[in-house]
Protein backbone atom coordinates (compact mmCIF):
# COMPACT_ATOMS: atom_id res chain seq x y z
CA ASP A 1 72.77 100.65 98.62
CA LYS A 2 68.98 100.55 98.57
CA ASN A 3 68.67 100.83 102.36
CA SER A 4 70.41 104.21 102.30
CA MET A 5 67.48 105.48 100.25
CA GLY A 6 64.98 104.53 102.96
CA ASP A 7 63.28 106.52 105.69
CA GLY A 8 65.64 107.90 108.28
CA PHE A 9 68.66 107.73 105.98
CA PHE A 10 67.60 109.58 102.83
CA THR A 11 67.99 113.06 104.29
CA ASP A 12 67.19 116.40 102.69
CA ALA A 13 70.91 116.84 101.94
CA ALA A 14 70.98 113.44 100.21
CA LYS A 15 67.90 114.34 98.18
CA GLN A 16 69.51 117.63 97.15
CA PHE A 17 72.61 115.73 96.02
CA MET A 18 70.57 113.24 93.99
CA HIS A 19 68.96 116.15 92.11
CA ASP A 20 72.32 117.83 91.40
CA GLY A 21 73.20 116.56 87.92
CA GLU A 22 76.80 117.82 88.07
CA ALA A 23 77.49 116.15 91.43
CA VAL A 24 75.94 112.84 90.37
CA GLY A 25 77.88 113.03 87.12
CA GLN A 26 81.15 113.42 89.01
CA LEU A 27 80.24 110.49 91.24
CA CYS A 28 79.44 108.32 88.23
CA HIS A 29 82.83 109.10 86.70
CA SER A 30 85.01 108.65 89.77
CA THR A 31 88.36 106.87 89.53
CA LYS A 32 88.09 103.09 89.83
CA LEU A 33 90.10 101.70 92.70
CA ASP A 34 91.77 99.04 90.58
CA SER A 35 93.17 101.72 88.25
CA ILE A 36 95.20 103.45 90.98
CA ASP A 37 98.93 102.83 91.33
CA PHE A 38 99.20 102.71 95.11
CA ALA A 39 102.97 103.23 94.92
CA SER A 40 102.15 106.78 93.80
CA VAL A 41 99.88 107.78 96.70
CA ASP A 42 100.60 108.45 100.36
CA ALA A 43 97.40 107.31 102.04
CA ILE A 44 94.11 105.51 101.70
CA PHE A 45 91.00 106.74 103.51
CA CYS A 46 87.93 104.53 103.87
CA CYS A 47 84.91 106.77 104.31
CA GLY A 48 81.92 105.89 106.40
CA GLY A 49 78.24 105.47 105.71
CA HIS A 50 75.97 102.47 105.57
CA GLY A 51 76.88 101.65 101.97
CA THR A 52 80.32 100.59 103.12
CA CYS A 53 78.78 97.64 104.94
CA VAL A 54 77.99 96.24 101.49
CA ASP A 55 80.71 97.77 99.31
CA PHE A 56 83.75 97.26 101.55
CA HIS A 57 82.98 93.77 102.91
CA ASP A 58 84.69 90.97 100.96
CA ASN A 59 86.12 93.41 98.38
CA ALA A 60 89.32 91.90 96.95
CA THR A 61 90.39 95.13 95.23
CA LEU A 62 90.05 97.17 98.40
CA LYS A 63 91.75 94.43 100.44
CA SER A 64 94.74 94.49 98.09
CA ALA A 65 94.93 98.29 98.20
CA ILE A 66 94.89 98.40 102.00
CA GLU A 67 97.44 95.60 102.35
CA THR A 68 99.73 97.27 99.79
CA MET A 69 99.54 100.61 101.60
CA TYR A 70 100.09 99.05 105.01
CA ALA A 71 103.07 97.00 103.81
CA ALA A 72 104.64 100.17 102.38
CA ASP A 73 104.28 101.87 105.79
CA LYS A 74 101.77 104.36 104.37
CA VAL A 75 98.69 105.76 106.04
CA VAL A 76 95.62 103.50 106.18
CA SER A 77 92.68 105.30 107.78
CA ALA A 78 88.94 104.92 108.20
CA VAL A 79 86.03 106.66 109.89
CA CYS A 80 82.47 105.78 110.88
CA HIS A 81 81.56 102.52 109.05
CA GLY A 82 84.78 102.65 107.00
CA PRO A 83 86.60 100.18 109.26
CA MET A 84 84.35 97.51 107.68
CA ALA A 85 87.16 97.27 105.11
CA LEU A 86 89.82 96.26 107.64
CA PRO A 87 88.92 92.80 109.05
CA GLN A 88 89.51 91.12 105.67
CA CYS A 89 93.10 92.46 105.53
CA ASN A 90 96.34 90.89 106.66
CA LYS A 91 99.76 92.23 107.57
CA PRO A 92 102.72 91.14 105.44
CA ASP A 93 103.47 88.37 107.97
CA GLY A 94 99.97 86.92 107.41
CA THR A 95 98.47 87.99 110.73
CA PRO A 96 95.19 89.93 110.69
CA LEU A 97 95.51 93.69 110.34
CA VAL A 98 92.77 94.07 112.94
CA GLN A 99 92.60 91.79 115.96
CA GLY A 100 90.60 91.69 119.12
């Protein structure tokens, strides 16, 4: 997101990454979430960072992935701002995955 490119967030390490053509190329060609068969994986990990506040919120594809993994008794994990993905999700019985 554009705010991650602002003062205080756009660190020297981030600048180095942005000037690494190979790394940016790999990022631009990452696997799309909706192309993954979640029956074939053991876990889903929601990374952190400020971009997740935009990308994970109200994301139907991510919601479906998390709910599918949870219903199959597989690992659903998150760190830092990653838990932003969880409040939109429900358990198989319809109750919220995260409460409180």
